[in-house]
Amino acid sequence: MTNLPEHSLLGKPAPYVDRYDPSLLFPISRWPKRAELGLHGAVPFLGADLWSAFELSWLTPRGKPQVAIAHITVPCETPNLAESKSFKLYINSFSNSSFASADEVRARIRADVSEAVWRGAATQSSVGVRLLLPDEFDRERVQELGGLSLDRLDIECTRYTPAPDLLTAAADEKPVEEVLTSNLLKSNCPVTGQPDWGSVQIHYSGPQIDQGGLLRYLVSFRNHNEFHEHCVERIFVDVWQRCKPAKLAVYARYTRRGGLDINPFRTSHPLAVPANVRTARQ
């Protein structure tokens, strides 16, 4: 049976579980939303979802609380994503449980999240997990997405649901390579309707994309109800199909909710996953 968002605890009262419980993780299949985009079988992108968990805490065997920031990398090849409220509840479940070391906590998170996101797959792999302990906190950087800001454009916006017809490119002109950014990405949770705020970076080479049309297109997500991961894949597919770049990478960083932020990255070609560096709004 496929888990659907409405089957999760999103938008519902949920008990605070403070004892380690991996069963709290709620995987949701990526494929129904990919099918909406016309994707069946192989997808035209690589990439990963970069998670940051800022409210991770556990106890030592002597009962002393420990804290850390967890960075988790989930490959986009996984058949499932982890629903974010379930992820928050899972992280919180560590708070009154004892573990021998941070390494044990890291290993538990890696094993539990890997099982959830790969559940149902014929072959399975592991997610990446990195814990930052307090003596490393001052190494955490704040940095905005690089590139030319589309937000400088003084344009009229009238459409607030995804409008891929706004995307055009100059196919008859010399190809270019550009990195374009915007802080105006907004969508909504598909279950609760709560707003999700984000910044997006589009790096491409090929026919030059009309920047005004691209910004209007990004703004058109404003009243759209979809998870972060699905929004980024929709942006990737729409730009890929409408503008026909030779290469394309789409990276979004969303503001945190409940101590978690989710930052999907999709690329048409082998490319290193960006460093999980937060922006000022995160």
Protein backbone atom coordinates (compact mmCIF):
# COMPACT_ATOMS: atom_id res chain seq x y z
CA MET A 1 0.00 0.00 0.00
CA THR A 2 1.33 3.44 -0.96
CA ASN A 3 1.52 6.01 1.82
CA LEU A 4 -0.21 9.25 0.91
CA PRO A 5 0.37 12.66 2.56
CA GLU A 6 -3.15 12.66 3.98
CA HIS A 7 -2.35 9.41 5.82
CA SER A 8 0.48 11.10 7.71
CA LEU A 9 0.28 13.11 10.96
CA LEU A 10 0.49 16.40 9.04
CA GLY A 11 -2.19 18.77 10.30
CA LYS A 12 -3.25 16.36 13.05
CA PRO A 13 -2.62 16.39 16.81
CA ALA A 14 0.37 14.19 17.58
CA PRO A 15 1.76 13.08 20.94
CA TYR A 16 5.26 14.19 21.82
CA VAL A 17 7.30 10.98 21.88
CA ASP A 18 10.54 11.43 23.83
CA ARG A 19 11.78 7.84 23.65
CA TYR A 20 13.66 6.66 20.59
CA ASP A 21 11.12 5.34 18.05
CA PRO A 22 12.16 4.79 14.41
CA SER A 23 8.59 3.71 13.53
CA LEU A 24 7.64 7.41 13.61
CA LEU A 25 9.25 7.94 10.19
CA PHE A 26 6.57 8.09 7.49
CA PRO A 27 7.80 7.44 3.93
CA ILE A 28 5.84 8.86 0.98
CA SER A 29 6.39 7.57 -2.55
CA ARG A 30 7.96 10.03 -4.99
CA TRP A 31 6.32 8.39 -7.98
CA PRO A 32 2.73 9.74 -8.02
CA LYS A 33 4.01 13.31 -8.33
CA ARG A 34 6.64 12.29 -10.86
CA ALA A 35 3.90 10.62 -12.91
CA GLU A 36 2.04 13.96 -12.95
CA LEU A 37 5.12 15.38 -14.69
CA GLY A 38 5.07 12.58 -17.27
CA LEU A 39 8.02 10.79 -15.70
CA HIS A 40 7.86 7.01 -15.72
CA GLY A 41 10.86 4.79 -15.02
CA ALA A 42 14.14 6.63 -15.49
CA VAL A 43 14.06 10.33 -14.58
CA PRO A 44 16.04 13.08 -16.39
CA PHE A 45 17.91 14.20 -13.29
CA LEU A 46 20.32 13.23 -10.55
CA GLY A 47 20.65 14.87 -7.16
CA ALA A 48 19.68 14.73 -3.53
CA ASP A 49 17.59 16.31 -0.79
CA LEU A 50 19.71 18.03 1.86
CA TRP A 51 18.10 18.07 5.31
CA SER A 52 19.24 20.02 8.35
CA ALA A 53 17.91 19.12 11.80
CA PHE A 54 18.65 21.80 14.40
CA GLU A 55 16.81 20.29 17.39
CA LEU A 56 18.61 16.99 17.88
CA SER A 57 19.34 16.01 21.49
CA TRP A 58 19.90 12.81 23.46
CA LEU A 59 21.22 11.61 26.81
CA THR A 60 24.55 10.07 27.72
CA PRO A 61 24.48 6.81 29.74
CA ARG A 62 24.83 9.04 32.82
CA GLY A 63 21.78 11.09 31.84
CA LYS A 64 23.53 14.25 30.67
CA PRO A 65 21.84 15.91 27.65
CA GLN A 66 23.81 16.29 24.45
CA VAL A 67 22.96 18.48 21.44
CA ALA A 68 24.02 18.45 17.80
CA ILE A 69 23.02 19.66 14.35
CA ALA A 70 22.37 16.84 11.89
CA HIS A 71 22.93 17.19 8.14
CA ILE A 72 21.26 14.37 6.21
CA THR A 73 21.66 13.74 2.47
CA VAL A 74 18.89 11.67 0.82
CA PRO A 75 19.60 10.64 -2.81
CA CYS A 76 16.78 11.49 -5.22
CA GLU A 77 16.95 7.89 -6.52
CA THR A 78 15.23 6.70 -3.36
CA PRO A 79 11.64 5.58 -4.07
CA ASN A 80 10.39 7.53 -1.06
CA LEU A 81 10.86 10.82 0.70
CA ALA A 82 10.41 11.15 4.46
CA GLU A 83 7.42 13.29 5.40
CA SER A 84 8.77 16.25 7.36
CA LYS A 85 6.50 16.17 10.43
CA SER A 86 7.27 12.48 10.91
CA PHE A 87 10.96 13.34 10.60
CA LYS A 88 10.60 16.01 13.28
CA LEU A 89 8.79 13.60 15.62
CA TYR A 90 11.47 10.98 14.97
CA ILE A 91 14.31 13.40 15.76
CA ASN A 92 12.52 14.51 18.94
CA SER A 93 12.19 10.89 20.05
CA PHE A 94 15.92 10.81 20.80
CA SER A 95 15.58 13.43 23.54
CA ASN A 96 15.06 11.19 26.59
CA SER A 97 16.90 8.10 25.34
CA SER A 98 20.47 7.19 26.28
CA PHE A 99 23.16 6.48 23.70
CA ALA A 100 26.77 5.53 24.23
CA SER A 101 28.11 8.18 21.85
CA ALA A 102 27.37 10.61 19.05
CA ASP A 103 28.60 7.93 16.66
CA GLU A 104 25.81 5.63 17.85
CA VAL A 105 23.22 8.37 17.28
CA ARG A 106 24.63 8.99 13.80
CA ALA A 107 24.49 5.28 12.97
CA ARG A 108 20.89 4.99 14.18
CA ILE A 109 19.76 7.97 12.09
CA ARG A 110 21.56 6.61 9.02
CA ALA A 111 20.01 3.15 9.39
CA ASP A 112 16.49 4.36 10.19
CA VAL A 113 16.21 7.02 7.50
CA SER A 114 17.81 4.71 4.93
CA GLU A 115 15.25 2.01 5.67
CA ALA A 116 12.35 4.45 5.33
CA VAL A 117 13.38 6.16 2.09
CA TRP A 118 14.49 2.94 0.40
CA ARG A 119 11.50 0.90 1.63
CA GLY A 120 10.06 -1.26 -1.13
CA ALA A 121 13.12 -0.99 -3.40
CA ALA A 122 14.75 -4.11 -4.79
CA THR A 123 18.19 -2.72 -3.91
CA GLN A 124 18.98 -0.35 -1.09
CA SER A 125 21.76 2.03 -0.21
CA SER A 126 22.47 4.45 2.62
CA VAL A 127 21.72 8.10 3.21
CA GLY A 128 24.53 10.40 4.31
CA VAL A 129 24.51 11.66 7.91
CA ARG A 130 26.87 14.20 9.48
CA LEU A 131 26.55 15.42 13.06
CA LEU A 132 28.02 18.74 14.16
CA LEU A 133 28.72 18.91 17.87
CA PRO A 134 28.78 22.19 19.85
CA ASP A 135 32.53 22.71 19.46
CA GLU A 136 31.92 22.88 15.70
CA PHE A 137 28.92 25.24 15.73
CA ASP A 138 31.00 28.34 15.04
CA ARG A 139 32.12 26.78 11.75
CA GLU A 140 28.57 26.90 10.39
CA ARG A 141 28.43 29.49 7.63
CA VAL A 142 25.60 31.70 6.41
CA GLN A 143 25.81 32.35 2.68
CA GLU A 144 23.35 33.38 0.01
CA LEU A 145 22.95 31.44 -3.23
CA GLY A 146 25.37 32.71 -5.85
CA GLY A 147 24.31 34.05 -9.22
CA LEU A 148 22.54 36.94 -10.93
CA SER A 149 19.39 37.90 -9.02
CA LEU A 150 16.18 37.78 -11.04
CA ASP A 151 14.52 39.81 -8.30
CA ARG A 152 16.12 42.99 -9.68
CA LEU A 153 13.60 42.89 -12.55
CA ASP A 154 10.61 45.22 -12.29
CA ILE A 155 7.93 42.95 -13.71
CA GLU A 156 4.18 42.53 -13.41
CA CYS A 157 3.06 39.22 -11.88
CA THR A 158 -0.52 38.03 -12.29
CA ARG A 159 -0.35 34.23 -12.12
CA TYR A 160 0.06 32.31 -8.87
CA THR A 161 -0.25 28.67 -9.89
CA PRO A 162 2.52 26.99 -11.92
CA ALA A 163 2.50 28.38 -15.46
CA PRO A 164 5.22 26.69 -17.55
CA ASP A 165 4.01 28.53 -20.66
CA LEU A 166 5.77 31.61 -19.22
CA LEU A 167 9.12 29.93 -19.94
CA THR A 168 10.83 30.76 -23.23
CA ALA A 169 14.40 30.66 -24.55
CA ALA A 170 16.21 32.18 -27.53
CA ALA A 171 16.83 29.00 -29.51
CA ASP A 172 18.07 30.94 -32.56
CA GLU A 173 20.81 32.81 -30.69
CA LYS A 174 24.26 31.89 -29.39
CA PRO A 175 24.10 29.55 -26.34
CA VAL A 176 25.03 30.95 -22.95
CA GLU A 177 25.89 29.71 -19.48
CA GLU A 178 24.19 31.49 -16.58
CA VAL A 179 23.49 31.13 -12.88
CA LEU A 180 20.22 32.83 -11.93
CA THR A 181 18.71 33.17 -8.45
CA SER A 182 15.54 34.34 -6.77
CA ASN A 183 14.36 34.72 -3.17
CA LEU A 184 10.72 34.90 -4.26
CA LEU A 185 9.91 31.20 -4.33
CA LYS A 186 6.88 30.31 -2.22
CA SER A 187 4.59 27.30 -2.21
CA ASN A 188 2.29 25.68 0.35
CA CYS A 189 2.16 22.40 2.23
CA PRO A 190 -0.24 20.12 0.30
CA VAL A 191 -1.96 18.95 3.53
CA THR A 192 -1.98 21.91 5.93
CA GLY A 193 -1.82 24.77 3.43
CA GLN A 194 0.91 26.42 5.52
CA PRO A 195 3.37 28.56 3.49
CA ASP A 196 6.81 27.30 2.52
CA TRP A 197 9.33 30.06 1.76
CA GLY A 198 12.42 29.45 -0.30
CA SER A 199 15.26 30.70 -2.46
CA VAL A 200 16.15 29.02 -5.75
CA GLN A 201 19.22 28.87 -7.97
CA ILE A 202 19.09 27.81 -11.63
CA HIS A 203 22.39 27.03 -13.35
CA TYR A 204 22.13 26.17 -17.04
CA SER A 205 23.92 26.22 -20.35
CA GLY A 206 22.13 26.41 -23.69
CA PRO A 207 19.64 28.78 -25.33
CA GLN A 208 19.34 31.93 -23.22
CA ILE A 209 16.26 31.79 -21.00
CA ASP A 210 14.07 34.90 -20.91
CA GLN A 211 14.71 36.15 -17.38
CA GLY A 212 11.42 38.01 -16.94
CA GLY A 213 9.47 34.94 -17.97
CA LEU A 214 11.54 32.75 -15.65
CA LEU A 215 10.88 35.04 -12.67
CA ARG A 216 7.15 35.15 -13.43
CA TYR A 217 7.20 31.36 -13.62
CA LEU A 218 8.92 31.03 -10.23
CA VAL A 219 6.44 33.48 -8.69
CA SER A 220 3.59 31.40 -10.15
CA PHE A 221 4.24 28.73 -7.48
CA ARG A 222 2.96 31.16 -4.84
CA ASN A 223 -0.43 29.45 -4.31
CA HIS A 224 0.70 25.96 -5.34
CA ASN A 225 0.32 23.08 -2.88
CA GLU A 226 3.22 20.63 -3.10
CA PHE A 227 6.16 19.37 -1.04
CA HIS A 228 9.55 21.05 -1.51
CA GLU A 229 11.03 18.07 -3.34
CA HIS A 230 8.13 17.93 -5.79
CA CYS A 231 8.27 21.68 -6.47
CA VAL A 232 11.95 21.52 -7.40
CA GLU A 233 11.39 18.54 -9.68
CA ARG A 234 8.50 20.39 -11.33
CA ILE A 235 10.72 23.44 -11.90
CA PHE A 236 13.47 21.24 -13.33
CA VAL A 237 11.15 19.38 -15.72
CA ASP A 238 9.36 22.53 -16.89
CA VAL A 239 12.61 24.39 -17.64
CA TRP A 240 14.13 21.26 -19.21
CA GLN A 241 11.19 20.70 -21.53
CA ARG A 242 10.31 24.31 -22.36
CA CYS A 243 13.77 25.89 -22.65
CA LYS A 244 15.76 22.82 -23.76
CA PRO A 245 19.08 23.64 -22.07
CA ALA A 246 22.08 21.44 -22.76
CA LYS A 247 22.72 21.25 -19.00
CA LEU A 248 20.55 22.24 -16.07
CA ALA A 249 20.79 22.26 -12.27
CA VAL A 250 18.05 23.50 -9.91
CA TYR A 251 18.75 24.03 -6.21
CA ALA A 252 16.30 25.39 -3.64
CA ARG A 253 16.81 26.23 0.01
CA TYR A 254 13.62 26.46 2.06
CA THR A 255 13.26 28.15 5.43
CA ARG A 256 13.06 25.81 8.39
CA ARG A 257 9.90 24.64 10.10
CA GLY A 258 9.91 22.73 13.38
CA GLY A 259 13.70 22.84 13.50
CA LEU A 260 14.08 21.28 10.02
CA ASP A 261 14.95 22.68 6.63
CA ILE A 262 14.77 20.79 3.32
CA ASN A 263 16.94 21.76 0.36
CA PRO A 264 16.40 19.76 -2.87
CA PHE A 265 19.02 19.70 -5.63
CA ARG A 266 18.42 18.28 -9.12
CA THR A 267 20.89 18.20 -12.01
CA SER A 268 20.85 16.85 -15.55
CA HIS A 269 24.49 15.75 -15.39
CA PRO A 270 26.94 14.41 -12.79
CA LEU A 271 27.67 17.28 -10.44
CA ALA A 272 28.78 17.45 -6.83
CA VAL A 273 25.96 18.02 -4.37
CA PRO A 274 26.23 21.57 -2.96
CA ALA A 275 27.60 22.07 0.52
CA ASN A 276 24.71 22.25 2.98
CA VAL A 277 25.24 25.93 3.85
CA ARG A 278 22.22 27.85 5.12
CA THR A 279 21.04 31.20 3.87
CA ALA A 280 20.23 34.16 6.12
CA ARG A 281 16.52 33.33 6.16
CA GLN A 282 17.21 29.79 7.30
